[in-house]
């Protein structure tokens, strides 16, 4: 959770940060009971903290506390963690990762969009647009051609629309889509 991302959240742009990646750990999350009906039920394919954070960011002000409230010990068996990985480590992990993860994320966002359309109003149109843009980005990445040369138009389109930077890991994601196999 970078200093730049923290500034975005403080300025009221938490949804932008959270659509790129989840930065919220469940043990560090609190919300008012009035949001319970918006949040529940949590769709089964969502991690609870990611779902809650995105719903709250879509429907309310979202804030962070600058001081640490829990002691967090990072170790090699953490399911999700904050350890900084080198580019080579990220590429190695990406090679092992199933490309179908994009389809999973896509369906998670379908659930989020449905919740927003059910409980939201016209003031949420901009957020729905951002969710749809992330969904389009995930579809583009999930449907990369096997032939690396044929991927270029799709990768260029995602670069021009800035979706690699808004919804993925920028140049790292470009490299992954250009050079890694799409075999499932």
Protein backbone atom coordinates (compact mmCIF):
# COMPACT_ATOMS: atom_id res chain seq x y z
CA UNK A 1 0.00 0.00 0.00
CA UNK A 2 2.16 2.80 -1.33
CA UNK A 3 2.24 6.39 -0.11
CA UNK A 4 0.76 7.46 -3.44
CA UNK A 5 -2.12 5.00 -3.07
CA UNK A 6 -2.71 6.21 0.48
CA UNK A 7 -2.97 9.79 -0.79
CA UNK A 8 -5.52 8.63 -3.40
CA UNK A 9 -7.63 7.04 -0.66
CA UNK A 10 -7.41 10.15 1.53
CA UNK A 11 -8.52 12.31 -1.44
CA UNK A 12 -11.65 10.15 -1.87
CA UNK A 13 -10.40 7.85 -4.64
CA UNK A 14 -10.34 4.57 -2.73
CA UNK A 15 -12.31 2.83 -5.48
CA UNK A 16 -9.46 3.48 -7.95
CA UNK A 17 -6.89 1.90 -5.65
CA UNK A 18 -9.12 -1.05 -4.77
CA UNK A 19 -10.01 -1.81 -8.39
CA UNK A 20 -6.29 -2.13 -9.06
CA UNK A 21 -5.65 -4.42 -6.09
CA UNK A 22 -6.91 -5.12 -2.60
CA UNK A 23 -4.99 -3.27 0.09
CA UNK A 24 -7.31 -4.09 3.00
CA UNK A 25 -6.78 -6.90 5.50
CA UNK A 26 -9.91 -8.09 7.29
CA UNK A 27 -8.42 -7.70 10.76
CA UNK A 28 -7.82 -4.01 10.07
CA UNK A 29 -11.27 -3.17 8.72
CA UNK A 30 -14.17 -1.51 10.52
CA UNK A 31 -17.46 -0.14 9.23
CA UNK A 32 -20.77 1.17 10.53
CA UNK A 33 -23.61 -1.33 10.98
CA UNK A 34 -25.81 0.67 8.60
CA UNK A 35 -23.76 -0.80 5.71
CA UNK A 36 -24.47 -4.41 6.67
CA UNK A 37 -27.33 -4.85 4.17
CA UNK A 38 -25.18 -3.46 1.34
CA UNK A 39 -22.32 -5.81 2.18
CA UNK A 40 -24.21 -9.02 2.96
CA UNK A 41 -24.36 -11.57 1.59
CA UNK A 42 -20.73 -11.75 0.53
CA UNK A 43 -20.50 -13.63 -2.78
CA UNK A 44 -18.81 -17.02 -2.29
CA UNK A 45 -15.96 -16.40 -4.73
CA UNK A 46 -14.85 -13.17 -3.00
CA UNK A 47 -12.39 -12.84 -0.13
CA UNK A 48 -14.43 -11.03 2.52
CA UNK A 49 -12.02 -8.14 3.05
CA UNK A 50 -11.78 -7.29 -0.64
CA UNK A 51 -15.55 -7.38 -1.09
CA UNK A 52 -16.28 -5.29 1.99
CA UNK A 53 -13.65 -2.69 1.08
CA UNK A 54 -14.93 -2.26 -2.49
CA UNK A 55 -18.58 -2.03 -1.43
CA UNK A 56 -17.74 0.51 1.26
CA UNK A 57 -15.62 2.56 -1.15
CA UNK A 58 -18.48 2.58 -3.66
CA UNK A 59 -21.16 3.66 -1.17
CA UNK A 60 -19.44 5.80 1.43
CA UNK A 61 -16.45 7.81 2.47
CA UNK A 62 -13.46 5.60 3.02
CA UNK A 63 -10.60 6.50 5.30
CA UNK A 64 -7.34 5.08 6.52
CA UNK A 65 -5.58 5.43 9.83
CA UNK A 66 -1.89 6.25 9.46
CA UNK A 67 -0.72 4.52 12.62
CA UNK A 68 -0.28 0.72 12.77
CA UNK A 69 -3.04 -0.96 14.77
CA UNK A 70 -1.86 -4.56 14.57
CA UNK A 71 1.51 -6.26 14.57
CA UNK A 72 1.92 -8.16 11.36
CA UNK A 73 4.54 -10.83 10.91
CA UNK A 74 5.40 -11.69 7.33
CA UNK A 75 6.55 -15.25 6.63
CA UNK A 76 7.05 -17.42 3.57
CA UNK A 77 3.75 -19.28 3.99
CA UNK A 78 1.49 -16.22 4.09
CA UNK A 79 -1.44 -16.68 1.72
CA UNK A 80 -1.41 -13.00 0.89
CA UNK A 81 1.22 -10.59 2.02
CA UNK A 82 3.06 -7.37 1.67
CA UNK A 83 6.57 -8.65 0.99
CA UNK A 84 8.09 -6.78 -1.96
CA UNK A 85 8.90 -9.13 -4.81
CA UNK A 86 11.54 -8.59 -7.46
CA UNK A 87 10.56 -8.47 -11.12
CA UNK A 88 12.03 -11.97 -11.63
CA UNK A 89 10.02 -13.32 -8.67
CA UNK A 90 6.88 -11.72 -10.08
CA UNK A 91 7.49 -13.25 -13.52
CA UNK A 92 8.16 -16.68 -12.00
CA UNK A 93 4.93 -16.45 -10.03
CA UNK A 94 3.06 -15.25 -13.11
CA UNK A 95 4.27 -18.28 -15.08
CA UNK A 96 2.75 -20.57 -12.45
CA UNK A 97 -0.47 -18.57 -12.20
CA UNK A 98 -3.44 -19.74 -14.19
CA UNK A 99 -4.68 -17.26 -16.77
CA UNK A 100 -8.20 -18.27 -15.71
CA UNK A 101 -7.69 -16.01 -12.70
CA UNK A 102 -8.82 -13.16 -14.96
CA UNK A 103 -12.15 -14.90 -15.55
CA UNK A 104 -12.54 -15.35 -11.79
CA UNK A 105 -11.88 -11.65 -11.18
CA UNK A 106 -14.28 -10.79 -13.99
CA UNK A 107 -17.11 -12.75 -12.35
CA UNK A 108 -16.33 -11.17 -9.00
CA UNK A 109 -16.76 -7.75 -10.58
CA UNK A 110 -20.06 -8.85 -12.14
CA UNK A 111 -21.30 -9.46 -8.59
CA UNK A 112 -20.02 -6.06 -7.47
CA UNK A 113 -21.66 -4.31 -10.42
CA UNK A 114 -24.98 -6.06 -9.67
CA UNK A 115 -24.81 -4.92 -6.04
CA UNK A 116 -24.07 -1.38 -7.13
CA UNK A 117 -26.94 -1.34 -9.63
CA UNK A 118 -29.32 -2.80 -7.04
CA UNK A 119 -28.55 -0.33 -4.25
CA UNK A 120 -26.92 2.59 -6.06
CA UNK A 121 -28.26 5.59 -7.90
CA UNK A 122 -27.12 7.83 -10.74
CA UNK A 123 -24.30 9.18 -8.58
CA UNK A 124 -22.71 5.72 -8.91
CA UNK A 125 -22.55 5.82 -12.73
CA UNK A 126 -18.88 6.79 -12.70
CA UNK A 127 -18.03 3.85 -10.43
CA UNK A 128 -20.02 1.46 -12.63
CA UNK A 129 -18.06 2.79 -15.62
CA UNK A 130 -14.77 2.06 -13.81
CA UNK A 131 -15.92 -1.44 -12.88
CA UNK A 132 -16.88 -2.09 -16.51
CA UNK A 133 -13.48 -0.78 -17.67
CA UNK A 134 -11.73 -3.19 -15.30
CA UNK A 135 -13.99 -6.00 -16.54
CA UNK A 136 -13.06 -5.17 -20.16
CA UNK A 137 -9.39 -5.18 -19.20
CA UNK A 138 -9.73 -8.60 -17.57
CA UNK A 139 -11.50 -9.97 -20.65
CA UNK A 140 -8.74 -8.64 -22.89
CA UNK A 141 -6.07 -10.24 -20.74
CA UNK A 142 -7.98 -13.51 -20.39
CA UNK A 143 -8.39 -13.84 -24.16
CA UNK A 144 -4.82 -13.21 -25.29
CA UNK A 145 -3.98 -15.15 -28.47
CA UNK A 146 -1.41 -17.92 -28.14
CA UNK A 147 0.69 -16.33 -30.90
CA UNK A 148 2.70 -13.58 -29.22
CA UNK A 149 2.75 -11.38 -32.34
CA UNK A 150 -1.06 -11.49 -32.51
CA UNK A 151 -1.21 -10.20 -28.93
CA UNK A 152 0.31 -6.85 -29.90
CA UNK A 153 -2.92 -5.08 -30.99
CA UNK A 154 -4.68 -6.09 -27.78
CA UNK A 155 -1.73 -5.11 -25.58
CA UNK A 156 -1.39 -1.77 -27.40
CA UNK A 157 -5.11 -1.06 -26.92
CA UNK A 158 -4.82 -1.77 -23.19
CA UNK A 159 -1.76 0.48 -23.02
CA UNK A 160 -3.42 3.35 -24.92
CA UNK A 161 -6.49 3.20 -22.66
CA UNK A 162 -4.14 3.15 -19.63
CA UNK A 163 -5.93 0.10 -18.28
CA UNK A 164 -2.64 -1.71 -17.62
CA UNK A 165 -1.77 1.10 -15.22
CA UNK A 166 -5.23 1.65 -13.73
CA UNK A 167 -6.21 -1.99 -13.22
CA UNK A 168 -3.03 -4.09 -13.37
CA UNK A 169 0.67 -3.75 -12.60
CA UNK A 170 1.66 -1.55 -15.51
CA UNK A 171 4.79 -2.61 -17.39
CA UNK A 172 4.99 -5.88 -15.45
CA UNK A 173 1.56 -6.88 -16.74
CA UNK A 174 2.45 -5.81 -20.27
CA UNK A 175 5.54 -8.04 -20.14
CA UNK A 176 3.49 -10.93 -18.81
CA UNK A 177 0.92 -10.61 -21.59
CA UNK A 178 3.54 -10.26 -24.31
CA UNK A 179 5.95 -12.98 -23.29
CA UNK A 180 4.29 -15.65 -21.16
CA UNK A 181 2.38 -18.58 -22.57
CA UNK A 182 -1.41 -18.39 -22.55
CA UNK A 183 -1.82 -22.17 -22.41
CA UNK A 184 -4.22 -23.11 -19.68
